[in-house]
N, C-alpha and C. Protein backbone atom coordinates (compact mmCIF):
# COMPACT_ATOMS: atom_id res chain seq x y z
N UNK A 1 -13.35 13.58 -31.92
CA UNK A 1 -12.07 13.91 -31.31
C UNK A 1 -11.06 14.18 -32.43
N UNK A 2 -10.34 15.29 -32.33
CA UNK A 2 -9.35 15.63 -33.35
C UNK A 2 -8.06 14.86 -33.10
N UNK A 3 -7.20 14.88 -34.10
CA UNK A 3 -5.90 14.20 -33.98
C UNK A 3 -5.06 14.84 -32.89
N UNK A 4 -5.15 16.19 -32.78
CA UNK A 4 -4.37 16.88 -31.76
C UNK A 4 -4.82 16.47 -30.36
N UNK A 5 -6.16 16.37 -30.16
CA UNK A 5 -6.67 15.95 -28.85
C UNK A 5 -6.24 14.52 -28.55
N UNK A 6 -6.28 13.66 -29.56
CA UNK A 6 -5.87 12.28 -29.38
C UNK A 6 -4.38 12.20 -29.03
N UNK A 7 -3.56 13.02 -29.69
CA UNK A 7 -2.12 13.04 -29.40
C UNK A 7 -1.87 13.53 -27.98
N UNK A 8 -2.65 14.52 -27.55
CA UNK A 8 -2.49 15.03 -26.19
C UNK A 8 -2.84 13.94 -25.18
N UNK A 9 -3.89 13.16 -25.46
CA UNK A 9 -4.24 12.06 -24.55
C UNK A 9 -3.16 11.00 -24.54
N UNK A 10 -2.59 10.68 -25.71
CA UNK A 10 -1.50 9.70 -25.78
C UNK A 10 -0.31 10.18 -24.98
N UNK A 11 -0.01 11.48 -25.06
CA UNK A 11 1.12 12.03 -24.30
C UNK A 11 0.86 11.91 -22.81
N UNK A 12 -0.39 12.17 -22.37
CA UNK A 12 -0.73 12.02 -20.96
C UNK A 12 -0.54 10.57 -20.52
N UNK A 13 -0.94 9.63 -21.36
CA UNK A 13 -0.79 8.21 -21.02
C UNK A 13 0.69 7.85 -20.91
N UNK A 14 1.51 8.34 -21.84
CA UNK A 14 2.95 8.05 -21.80
C UNK A 14 3.57 8.60 -20.53
N UNK A 15 3.16 9.82 -20.14
CA UNK A 15 3.71 10.40 -18.92
C UNK A 15 3.30 9.59 -17.70
N UNK A 16 2.09 9.07 -17.70
CA UNK A 16 1.63 8.29 -16.55
C UNK A 16 2.46 7.02 -16.39
N UNK A 17 2.93 6.46 -17.51
CA UNK A 17 3.71 5.23 -17.45
C UNK A 17 5.17 5.51 -17.11
N UNK A 18 5.59 6.76 -17.24
CA UNK A 18 6.98 7.11 -17.01
C UNK A 18 7.32 7.09 -15.52
N UNK A 19 8.50 6.62 -15.21
CA UNK A 19 8.95 6.58 -13.82
C UNK A 19 9.61 7.90 -13.46
N UNK A 20 9.54 8.29 -12.19
CA UNK A 20 10.30 9.47 -11.77
C UNK A 20 11.79 9.23 -12.01
N UNK A 21 12.50 10.28 -12.46
CA UNK A 21 13.94 10.13 -12.73
C UNK A 21 14.75 10.10 -11.45
N UNK A 22 14.29 10.83 -10.47
CA UNK A 22 14.97 10.87 -9.17
C UNK A 22 14.84 9.51 -8.48
N UNK A 23 15.85 9.11 -7.72
CA UNK A 23 15.83 7.78 -7.09
C UNK A 23 15.74 7.89 -5.56
N UNK A 24 15.07 8.92 -5.05
CA UNK A 24 14.88 9.02 -3.60
C UNK A 24 13.79 8.04 -3.17
N UNK A 25 14.02 7.38 -2.03
CA UNK A 25 13.10 6.34 -1.56
C UNK A 25 12.90 6.46 -0.06
N UNK A 26 11.65 6.47 0.36
CA UNK A 26 11.30 6.45 1.78
C UNK A 26 10.80 5.05 2.12
N UNK A 27 11.38 4.45 3.16
CA UNK A 27 10.89 3.17 3.66
C UNK A 27 10.38 3.38 5.08
N UNK A 28 9.12 3.03 5.32
CA UNK A 28 8.52 3.13 6.65
C UNK A 28 8.13 1.71 7.06
N UNK A 29 8.86 1.15 8.01
CA UNK A 29 8.68 -0.25 8.42
C UNK A 29 9.07 -0.38 9.88
N UNK A 30 8.21 -0.99 10.70
CA UNK A 30 8.51 -1.12 12.13
C UNK A 30 9.23 -2.42 12.49
N UNK A 31 9.41 -3.31 11.55
CA UNK A 31 10.19 -4.54 11.76
C UNK A 31 11.65 -4.21 11.44
N UNK A 32 12.43 -3.94 12.50
CA UNK A 32 13.79 -3.42 12.32
C UNK A 32 14.69 -4.30 11.45
N UNK A 33 14.76 -5.63 11.67
CA UNK A 33 15.61 -6.45 10.80
C UNK A 33 15.19 -6.38 9.32
N UNK A 34 13.88 -6.40 9.07
CA UNK A 34 13.39 -6.30 7.69
C UNK A 34 13.73 -4.93 7.11
N UNK A 35 13.57 -3.88 7.91
CA UNK A 35 13.90 -2.52 7.47
C UNK A 35 15.37 -2.43 7.08
N UNK A 36 16.25 -3.00 7.89
CA UNK A 36 17.69 -2.97 7.61
C UNK A 36 18.00 -3.71 6.30
N UNK A 37 17.45 -4.92 6.14
CA UNK A 37 17.70 -5.71 4.92
C UNK A 37 17.16 -4.99 3.68
N UNK A 38 15.95 -4.46 3.79
CA UNK A 38 15.33 -3.79 2.65
C UNK A 38 16.09 -2.51 2.29
N UNK A 39 16.54 -1.78 3.30
CA UNK A 39 17.32 -0.56 3.05
C UNK A 39 18.59 -0.90 2.27
N UNK A 40 19.32 -1.90 2.72
CA UNK A 40 20.55 -2.32 2.02
C UNK A 40 20.26 -2.75 0.58
N UNK A 41 19.21 -3.54 0.42
CA UNK A 41 18.87 -4.05 -0.91
C UNK A 41 18.51 -2.92 -1.87
N UNK A 42 17.78 -1.93 -1.39
CA UNK A 42 17.37 -0.82 -2.25
C UNK A 42 18.53 0.13 -2.53
N UNK A 43 19.41 0.32 -1.56
CA UNK A 43 20.62 1.12 -1.80
C UNK A 43 21.49 0.44 -2.86
N UNK A 44 21.57 -0.88 -2.82
CA UNK A 44 22.35 -1.63 -3.81
C UNK A 44 21.74 -1.49 -5.21
N UNK A 45 20.46 -1.18 -5.28
CA UNK A 45 19.78 -0.98 -6.57
C UNK A 45 19.78 0.48 -7.00
N UNK A 46 20.52 1.32 -6.30
CA UNK A 46 20.70 2.71 -6.72
C UNK A 46 19.79 3.74 -6.11
N UNK A 47 19.05 3.39 -5.07
CA UNK A 47 18.16 4.35 -4.43
C UNK A 47 18.88 5.09 -3.31
N UNK A 48 18.51 6.35 -3.10
CA UNK A 48 18.95 7.12 -1.93
C UNK A 48 17.84 6.93 -0.90
N UNK A 49 18.11 6.10 0.11
CA UNK A 49 17.06 5.65 1.03
C UNK A 49 17.01 6.46 2.31
N UNK A 50 15.79 6.82 2.71
CA UNK A 50 15.51 7.35 4.04
C UNK A 50 14.66 6.28 4.72
N UNK A 51 15.15 5.73 5.82
CA UNK A 51 14.45 4.64 6.51
C UNK A 51 13.97 5.11 7.87
N UNK A 52 12.67 4.94 8.13
CA UNK A 52 12.08 5.32 9.41
C UNK A 52 11.16 4.20 9.88
N UNK A 53 10.75 4.28 11.17
CA UNK A 53 9.99 3.18 11.77
C UNK A 53 8.56 3.51 12.16
N UNK A 54 8.14 4.77 12.08
CA UNK A 54 6.80 5.14 12.54
C UNK A 54 6.08 6.01 11.52
N UNK A 55 4.76 6.10 11.66
CA UNK A 55 3.96 6.97 10.80
C UNK A 55 4.41 8.42 11.00
N UNK A 56 4.62 8.83 12.25
CA UNK A 56 5.03 10.21 12.54
C UNK A 56 6.35 10.55 11.83
N UNK A 57 7.32 9.64 11.91
CA UNK A 57 8.61 9.87 11.23
C UNK A 57 8.42 9.88 9.71
N UNK A 58 7.54 9.02 9.21
CA UNK A 58 7.27 8.98 7.77
C UNK A 58 6.65 10.28 7.29
N UNK A 59 5.67 10.80 8.04
CA UNK A 59 5.04 12.07 7.67
C UNK A 59 6.05 13.21 7.72
N UNK A 60 6.93 13.20 8.74
CA UNK A 60 7.96 14.23 8.85
C UNK A 60 8.92 14.16 7.66
N UNK A 61 9.30 12.95 7.25
CA UNK A 61 10.20 12.78 6.10
C UNK A 61 9.55 13.29 4.81
N UNK A 62 8.25 13.03 4.65
CA UNK A 62 7.53 13.51 3.46
C UNK A 62 7.48 15.03 3.47
N UNK A 63 7.23 15.63 4.63
CA UNK A 63 7.18 17.09 4.72
C UNK A 63 8.54 17.71 4.43
N UNK A 64 9.61 17.09 4.91
CA UNK A 64 10.97 17.62 4.71
C UNK A 64 11.37 17.56 3.24
N UNK A 65 11.17 16.42 2.60
CA UNK A 65 11.53 16.25 1.19
C UNK A 65 10.76 15.06 0.65
N UNK A 66 9.68 15.32 -0.06
CA UNK A 66 8.84 14.23 -0.58
C UNK A 66 9.64 13.39 -1.57
N UNK A 67 9.78 12.09 -1.30
CA UNK A 67 10.59 11.23 -2.17
C UNK A 67 9.84 10.84 -3.45
N UNK A 68 10.59 10.34 -4.41
CA UNK A 68 10.00 9.86 -5.66
C UNK A 68 9.33 8.51 -5.47
N UNK A 69 9.87 7.70 -4.53
CA UNK A 69 9.36 6.35 -4.29
C UNK A 69 9.16 6.14 -2.79
N UNK A 70 8.26 5.23 -2.45
CA UNK A 70 8.04 4.90 -1.04
C UNK A 70 7.62 3.44 -0.91
N UNK A 71 8.11 2.81 0.15
CA UNK A 71 7.71 1.46 0.53
C UNK A 71 7.23 1.58 1.97
N UNK A 72 5.95 1.33 2.20
CA UNK A 72 5.38 1.62 3.51
C UNK A 72 4.58 0.44 4.04
N UNK A 73 4.90 0.05 5.27
CA UNK A 73 4.13 -1.00 5.94
C UNK A 73 2.77 -0.42 6.30
N UNK A 74 1.74 -1.21 6.16
CA UNK A 74 0.40 -0.70 6.42
C UNK A 74 0.12 -0.53 7.91
N UNK A 75 0.43 -1.54 8.69
CA UNK A 75 0.15 -1.47 10.13
C UNK A 75 1.43 -1.18 10.87
N UNK A 76 1.48 0.02 11.43
CA UNK A 76 2.64 0.45 12.20
C UNK A 76 2.20 0.71 13.63
N UNK A 77 3.15 0.75 14.55
CA UNK A 77 2.84 0.92 15.96
C UNK A 77 2.03 2.15 16.29
N UNK A 78 2.26 3.24 15.57
CA UNK A 78 1.58 4.50 15.90
C UNK A 78 0.50 4.89 14.89
N UNK A 79 0.10 3.98 14.01
CA UNK A 79 -0.96 4.33 13.08
C UNK A 79 -0.95 3.50 11.82
N UNK A 80 -1.54 4.07 10.78
CA UNK A 80 -1.73 3.38 9.51
C UNK A 80 -0.82 3.97 8.45
N UNK A 81 -0.05 3.12 7.77
CA UNK A 81 0.87 3.58 6.74
C UNK A 81 0.18 4.26 5.57
N UNK A 82 -1.11 3.99 5.38
CA UNK A 82 -1.84 4.64 4.28
C UNK A 82 -1.85 6.15 4.47
N UNK A 83 -1.78 6.63 5.71
CA UNK A 83 -1.73 8.07 5.96
C UNK A 83 -0.48 8.68 5.34
N UNK A 84 0.62 7.96 5.38
CA UNK A 84 1.88 8.45 4.79
C UNK A 84 1.75 8.49 3.27
N UNK A 85 1.19 7.44 2.68
CA UNK A 85 1.00 7.39 1.21
C UNK A 85 0.11 8.55 0.77
N UNK A 86 -0.98 8.76 1.50
CA UNK A 86 -1.92 9.82 1.15
C UNK A 86 -1.24 11.19 1.17
N UNK A 87 -0.46 11.45 2.22
CA UNK A 87 0.24 12.74 2.32
C UNK A 87 1.30 12.87 1.24
N UNK A 88 1.99 11.78 0.94
CA UNK A 88 3.01 11.79 -0.12
C UNK A 88 2.38 12.16 -1.46
N UNK A 89 1.22 11.59 -1.79
CA UNK A 89 0.57 11.90 -3.07
C UNK A 89 0.10 13.35 -3.13
N UNK A 90 -0.26 13.93 -1.97
CA UNK A 90 -0.63 15.35 -1.93
C UNK A 90 0.59 16.22 -2.22
N UNK A 91 1.71 15.88 -1.59
CA UNK A 91 2.94 16.67 -1.74
C UNK A 91 3.61 16.45 -3.10
N UNK A 92 3.57 15.22 -3.58
CA UNK A 92 4.26 14.88 -4.83
C UNK A 92 3.41 13.88 -5.62
N UNK A 93 2.54 14.39 -6.48
CA UNK A 93 1.62 13.51 -7.21
C UNK A 93 2.30 12.47 -8.12
N UNK A 94 3.53 12.74 -8.57
CA UNK A 94 4.20 11.79 -9.46
C UNK A 94 4.93 10.67 -8.71
N UNK A 95 4.85 10.67 -7.39
CA UNK A 95 5.56 9.66 -6.60
C UNK A 95 4.90 8.29 -6.75
N UNK A 96 5.67 7.26 -6.42
CA UNK A 96 5.17 5.88 -6.47
C UNK A 96 5.30 5.27 -5.10
N UNK A 97 4.20 4.85 -4.52
CA UNK A 97 4.22 4.24 -3.20
C UNK A 97 3.68 2.82 -3.24
N UNK A 98 4.37 1.94 -2.53
CA UNK A 98 3.95 0.54 -2.41
C UNK A 98 3.57 0.30 -0.95
N UNK A 99 2.43 -0.32 -0.72
CA UNK A 99 2.02 -0.70 0.63
C UNK A 99 2.37 -2.17 0.85
N UNK A 100 3.00 -2.46 1.99
CA UNK A 100 3.30 -3.83 2.40
C UNK A 100 2.44 -4.16 3.61
N UNK A 101 1.93 -5.38 3.67
CA UNK A 101 1.18 -5.77 4.85
C UNK A 101 1.21 -7.27 5.06
N UNK A 102 1.20 -7.65 6.31
CA UNK A 102 1.09 -9.05 6.66
C UNK A 102 -0.36 -9.48 6.78
N UNK A 103 -1.27 -8.53 6.64
CA UNK A 103 -2.70 -8.79 6.79
C UNK A 103 -3.42 -8.43 5.50
N UNK A 104 -2.99 -9.01 4.40
CA UNK A 104 -3.53 -8.65 3.09
C UNK A 104 -4.97 -9.06 2.91
N UNK A 105 -5.78 -8.13 2.41
CA UNK A 105 -7.15 -8.44 2.03
C UNK A 105 -7.59 -7.44 0.98
N UNK A 106 -8.65 -7.77 0.28
CA UNK A 106 -9.10 -6.96 -0.83
C UNK A 106 -9.52 -5.57 -0.38
N UNK A 107 -10.21 -5.46 0.74
CA UNK A 107 -10.70 -4.15 1.20
C UNK A 107 -9.56 -3.18 1.46
N UNK A 108 -8.51 -3.62 2.15
CA UNK A 108 -7.40 -2.71 2.42
C UNK A 108 -6.61 -2.42 1.16
N UNK A 109 -6.52 -3.37 0.25
CA UNK A 109 -5.83 -3.12 -1.03
C UNK A 109 -6.55 -2.04 -1.82
N UNK A 110 -7.86 -2.13 -1.88
CA UNK A 110 -8.65 -1.13 -2.60
C UNK A 110 -8.49 0.24 -1.95
N UNK A 111 -8.57 0.29 -0.62
CA UNK A 111 -8.39 1.55 0.10
C UNK A 111 -7.02 2.15 -0.18
N UNK A 112 -5.98 1.33 -0.12
CA UNK A 112 -4.61 1.80 -0.35
C UNK A 112 -4.46 2.39 -1.74
N UNK A 113 -4.99 1.71 -2.75
CA UNK A 113 -4.86 2.19 -4.13
C UNK A 113 -5.69 3.46 -4.33
N UNK A 114 -6.88 3.52 -3.74
CA UNK A 114 -7.70 4.73 -3.86
C UNK A 114 -7.01 5.94 -3.24
N UNK A 115 -6.25 5.72 -2.17
CA UNK A 115 -5.58 6.83 -1.49
C UNK A 115 -4.19 7.11 -2.05
N UNK A 116 -3.82 6.46 -3.15
CA UNK A 116 -2.59 6.85 -3.82
C UNK A 116 -1.51 5.80 -3.95
N UNK A 117 -1.66 4.64 -3.35
CA UNK A 117 -0.62 3.62 -3.50
C UNK A 117 -0.61 3.12 -4.94
N UNK A 118 0.58 2.88 -5.48
CA UNK A 118 0.69 2.36 -6.84
C UNK A 118 0.42 0.86 -6.85
N UNK A 119 0.83 0.19 -5.79
CA UNK A 119 0.62 -1.25 -5.70
C UNK A 119 0.57 -1.66 -4.24
N UNK A 120 0.25 -2.90 -4.01
CA UNK A 120 -0.02 -3.43 -2.68
C UNK A 120 0.54 -4.84 -2.65
N UNK A 121 1.48 -5.12 -1.74
CA UNK A 121 2.09 -6.44 -1.67
C UNK A 121 1.89 -7.05 -0.29
N UNK A 122 1.57 -8.33 -0.27
CA UNK A 122 1.44 -9.05 1.00
C UNK A 122 2.81 -9.54 1.44
N UNK A 123 3.06 -9.46 2.75
CA UNK A 123 4.31 -9.99 3.30
C UNK A 123 4.17 -11.50 3.42
N UNK A 124 5.21 -12.24 3.35
CA UNK A 124 6.58 -11.79 3.14
C UNK A 124 6.83 -11.50 1.66
N UNK A 125 7.40 -10.35 1.38
CA UNK A 125 7.78 -9.98 0.02
C UNK A 125 9.28 -9.73 0.04
N UNK A 126 9.99 -10.26 -0.93
CA UNK A 126 11.43 -10.05 -0.95
C UNK A 126 11.77 -8.77 -1.72
N UNK A 127 13.04 -8.38 -1.66
CA UNK A 127 13.48 -7.13 -2.27
C UNK A 127 13.23 -7.11 -3.77
N UNK A 128 13.40 -8.25 -4.44
CA UNK A 128 13.16 -8.30 -5.89
C UNK A 128 11.70 -8.02 -6.23
N UNK A 129 10.78 -8.64 -5.50
CA UNK A 129 9.35 -8.41 -5.73
C UNK A 129 9.01 -6.93 -5.52
N UNK A 130 9.54 -6.37 -4.44
CA UNK A 130 9.25 -4.97 -4.12
C UNK A 130 9.83 -4.05 -5.18
N UNK A 131 11.06 -4.32 -5.59
CA UNK A 131 11.71 -3.51 -6.63
C UNK A 131 10.90 -3.56 -7.93
N UNK A 132 10.49 -4.76 -8.34
CA UNK A 132 9.73 -4.89 -9.58
C UNK A 132 8.38 -4.18 -9.48
N UNK A 133 7.76 -4.21 -8.32
CA UNK A 133 6.49 -3.50 -8.13
C UNK A 133 6.70 -1.99 -8.23
N UNK A 134 7.80 -1.50 -7.66
CA UNK A 134 8.10 -0.06 -7.73
C UNK A 134 8.36 0.39 -9.16
N UNK A 135 9.06 -0.43 -9.92
CA UNK A 135 9.51 -0.03 -11.25
C UNK A 135 8.55 -0.44 -12.37
N UNK A 136 7.48 -1.13 -12.06
CA UNK A 136 6.53 -1.57 -13.08
C UNK A 136 5.90 -0.37 -13.79
N UNK A 137 5.69 -0.49 -15.09
CA UNK A 137 5.05 0.60 -15.82
C UNK A 137 3.54 0.52 -15.69
N UNK A 138 3.04 -0.65 -15.35
CA UNK A 138 1.61 -0.80 -15.06
C UNK A 138 1.43 -2.01 -14.16
N UNK A 139 0.35 -2.00 -13.43
CA UNK A 139 0.07 -3.12 -12.53
C UNK A 139 -0.48 -4.27 -13.36
N UNK A 140 0.10 -5.45 -13.17
CA UNK A 140 -0.38 -6.63 -13.89
C UNK A 140 -1.71 -7.06 -13.30
N UNK A 141 -2.65 -7.26 -14.17
CA UNK A 141 -3.96 -7.73 -13.72
C UNK A 141 -3.94 -9.25 -13.66
N UNK A 142 -4.34 -9.84 -12.53
CA UNK A 142 -4.33 -11.30 -12.45
C UNK A 142 -5.37 -11.91 -13.38
N UNK A 143 -5.09 -13.12 -13.85
CA UNK A 143 -6.05 -13.85 -14.67
C UNK A 143 -7.25 -14.22 -13.81
N UNK A 144 -8.29 -14.67 -14.45
CA UNK A 144 -9.48 -15.11 -13.72
C UNK A 144 -9.09 -16.17 -12.70
N UNK A 145 -9.72 -16.12 -11.56
CA UNK A 145 -9.39 -17.05 -10.49
C UNK A 145 -9.72 -18.49 -10.88
N UNK A 146 -8.74 -19.37 -10.70
CA UNK A 146 -8.99 -20.78 -10.92
C UNK A 146 -9.80 -21.33 -9.75
N UNK A 147 -9.43 -20.92 -8.56
CA UNK A 147 -10.12 -21.37 -7.35
C UNK A 147 -10.81 -20.16 -6.72
N UNK A 148 -12.12 -20.08 -6.80
CA UNK A 148 -12.80 -18.95 -6.19
C UNK A 148 -12.62 -18.96 -4.67
N UNK A 149 -12.89 -17.81 -4.04
CA UNK A 149 -12.73 -17.70 -2.59
C UNK A 149 -13.69 -18.63 -1.86
N UNK A 150 -13.22 -19.13 -0.74
CA UNK A 150 -14.07 -19.96 0.11
C UNK A 150 -15.10 -19.06 0.81
N UNK A 151 -16.12 -19.68 1.36
CA UNK A 151 -17.15 -18.93 2.09
C UNK A 151 -16.53 -18.19 3.28
N UNK A 152 -15.57 -18.83 3.96
CA UNK A 152 -14.90 -18.18 5.09
C UNK A 152 -14.13 -16.95 4.62
N UNK A 153 -13.48 -17.06 3.47
CA UNK A 153 -12.72 -15.94 2.93
C UNK A 153 -13.65 -14.79 2.54
N UNK A 154 -14.78 -15.10 1.92
CA UNK A 154 -15.75 -14.07 1.54
C UNK A 154 -16.26 -13.35 2.79
N UNK A 155 -16.56 -14.11 3.84
CA UNK A 155 -17.01 -13.52 5.11
C UNK A 155 -15.94 -12.61 5.67
N UNK A 156 -14.69 -13.09 5.68
CA UNK A 156 -13.58 -12.31 6.22
C UNK A 156 -13.39 -11.02 5.43
N UNK A 157 -13.48 -11.10 4.10
CA UNK A 157 -13.35 -9.91 3.25
C UNK A 157 -14.46 -8.90 3.55
N UNK A 158 -15.68 -9.39 3.74
CA UNK A 158 -16.80 -8.50 4.06
C UNK A 158 -16.55 -7.78 5.39
N UNK A 159 -16.11 -8.53 6.38
CA UNK A 159 -15.81 -7.94 7.69
C UNK A 159 -14.72 -6.88 7.54
N UNK A 160 -13.67 -7.17 6.77
CA UNK A 160 -12.59 -6.20 6.57
C UNK A 160 -13.10 -4.94 5.86
N UNK A 161 -13.98 -5.11 4.88
CA UNK A 161 -14.52 -3.97 4.14
C UNK A 161 -15.33 -3.07 5.07
N UNK A 162 -16.18 -3.67 5.92
CA UNK A 162 -16.97 -2.89 6.87
C UNK A 162 -16.05 -2.21 7.88
N UNK A 163 -15.04 -2.93 8.34
CA UNK A 163 -14.06 -2.40 9.30
C UNK A 163 -13.36 -1.17 8.73
N UNK A 164 -12.94 -1.24 7.47
CA UNK A 164 -12.30 -0.09 6.82
C UNK A 164 -13.28 1.06 6.64
N UNK A 165 -14.54 0.75 6.29
CA UNK A 165 -15.52 1.82 6.09
C UNK A 165 -15.88 2.51 7.40
N UNK A 166 -15.65 1.84 8.52
CA UNK A 166 -15.88 2.43 9.86
C UNK A 166 -14.61 3.06 10.40
N UNK A 167 -13.65 3.34 9.53
CA UNK A 167 -12.37 3.94 9.92
C UNK A 167 -11.67 3.13 11.00
N UNK A 168 -11.75 1.80 10.89
CA UNK A 168 -11.05 0.87 11.76
C UNK A 168 -11.53 0.97 13.22
N UNK A 169 -12.78 1.34 13.41
CA UNK A 169 -13.39 1.43 14.73
C UNK A 169 -14.08 0.09 15.02
N UNK A 170 -13.54 -0.67 15.97
CA UNK A 170 -14.04 -2.02 16.26
C UNK A 170 -15.48 -1.98 16.77
N UNK A 171 -15.78 -1.08 17.69
CA UNK A 171 -17.13 -1.03 18.26
C UNK A 171 -18.18 -0.72 17.20
N UNK A 172 -17.91 0.26 16.35
CA UNK A 172 -18.86 0.62 15.29
C UNK A 172 -19.01 -0.52 14.29
N UNK A 173 -17.90 -1.17 13.95
CA UNK A 173 -17.96 -2.31 13.02
C UNK A 173 -18.80 -3.43 13.61
N UNK A 174 -18.60 -3.73 14.89
CA UNK A 174 -19.38 -4.79 15.55
C UNK A 174 -20.87 -4.45 15.54
N UNK A 175 -21.21 -3.19 15.78
CA UNK A 175 -22.62 -2.78 15.74
C UNK A 175 -23.21 -2.99 14.34
N UNK A 176 -22.47 -2.56 13.31
CA UNK A 176 -22.98 -2.69 11.94
C UNK A 176 -23.12 -4.15 11.51
N UNK A 177 -22.25 -4.99 12.01
CA UNK A 177 -22.30 -6.41 11.63
C UNK A 177 -23.18 -7.23 12.57
N UNK A 178 -23.74 -6.57 13.59
CA UNK A 178 -24.56 -7.26 14.59
C UNK A 178 -23.79 -8.42 15.20
N UNK A 179 -22.58 -8.09 15.68
CA UNK A 179 -21.65 -9.09 16.19
C UNK A 179 -21.10 -8.60 17.52
N UNK A 180 -20.75 -9.51 18.40
CA UNK A 180 -20.13 -9.12 19.66
C UNK A 180 -18.74 -8.56 19.38
N UNK A 181 -18.37 -7.51 20.09
CA UNK A 181 -17.09 -6.84 19.87
C UNK A 181 -15.90 -7.77 20.03
N UNK A 182 -15.91 -8.61 21.06
CA UNK A 182 -14.79 -9.53 21.30
C UNK A 182 -14.65 -10.56 20.17
N UNK A 183 -15.77 -11.02 19.68
CA UNK A 183 -15.74 -11.97 18.56
C UNK A 183 -15.09 -11.30 17.35
N UNK A 184 -15.49 -10.06 17.09
CA UNK A 184 -14.91 -9.31 15.98
C UNK A 184 -13.41 -9.12 16.17
N UNK A 185 -12.98 -8.78 17.38
CA UNK A 185 -11.55 -8.60 17.64
C UNK A 185 -10.77 -9.88 17.37
N UNK A 186 -11.33 -11.02 17.74
CA UNK A 186 -10.65 -12.31 17.46
C UNK A 186 -10.54 -12.54 15.96
N UNK A 187 -11.58 -12.24 15.23
CA UNK A 187 -11.56 -12.43 13.77
C UNK A 187 -10.53 -11.50 13.13
N UNK A 188 -10.49 -10.25 13.58
CA UNK A 188 -9.56 -9.27 13.01
C UNK A 188 -8.11 -9.62 13.32
N UNK A 189 -7.87 -10.29 14.44
CA UNK A 189 -6.50 -10.65 14.83
C UNK A 189 -5.94 -11.80 14.00
N UNK A 190 -6.81 -12.57 13.38
CA UNK A 190 -6.37 -13.73 12.59
C UNK A 190 -6.02 -13.32 11.16
N UNK A 191 -5.22 -14.15 10.53
CA UNK A 191 -4.92 -13.95 9.11
C UNK A 191 -6.12 -14.39 8.28
N UNK A 192 -6.14 -13.94 7.04
CA UNK A 192 -7.24 -14.29 6.15
C UNK A 192 -7.28 -15.78 5.87
N UNK A 193 -8.48 -16.37 5.89
CA UNK A 193 -8.59 -17.78 5.50
C UNK A 193 -8.33 -17.92 4.00
N UNK A 194 -7.97 -19.10 3.57
CA UNK A 194 -7.68 -19.32 2.14
C UNK A 194 -8.93 -19.62 1.37
């Protein structure tokens, strides 16, 4: 590798760490009180915020003017927030999107990042945590786990991974896991075990 090629790679790395200069922000959240608080907090931090409550409104906002930043709830009444992140990355590759969810698990985090999310935060997350995640130059890698996952947690993660690979189809997931559909629905409705 020549010095010029190495310099070009270094320049690409520096650009990847650089934040967009524009401060436009799309927030897609169906919890109205949280949406209001988060909108105010981000406006106070200098963002020009567009706040919407549904996937359809989020997609329309991205089509109208793709923002530099996005904070998107994963589970919304009319669909999956990852669809908005995916479309945003198509329209504006330099954008930064954060996925928020009350149902955090490794499978959905991996899916979100693969489809373009910069980071993934479990609710409840406060405005400071969200702001720092948006503005981070790189995602901090956690240290090795002091307490490995419990057997229940490993089972739950596996079910979530299969569920995501089946495009969130409960019947197909139940068939693949050789499990009754109602049992699967009960498991999916619960939060992750510790």
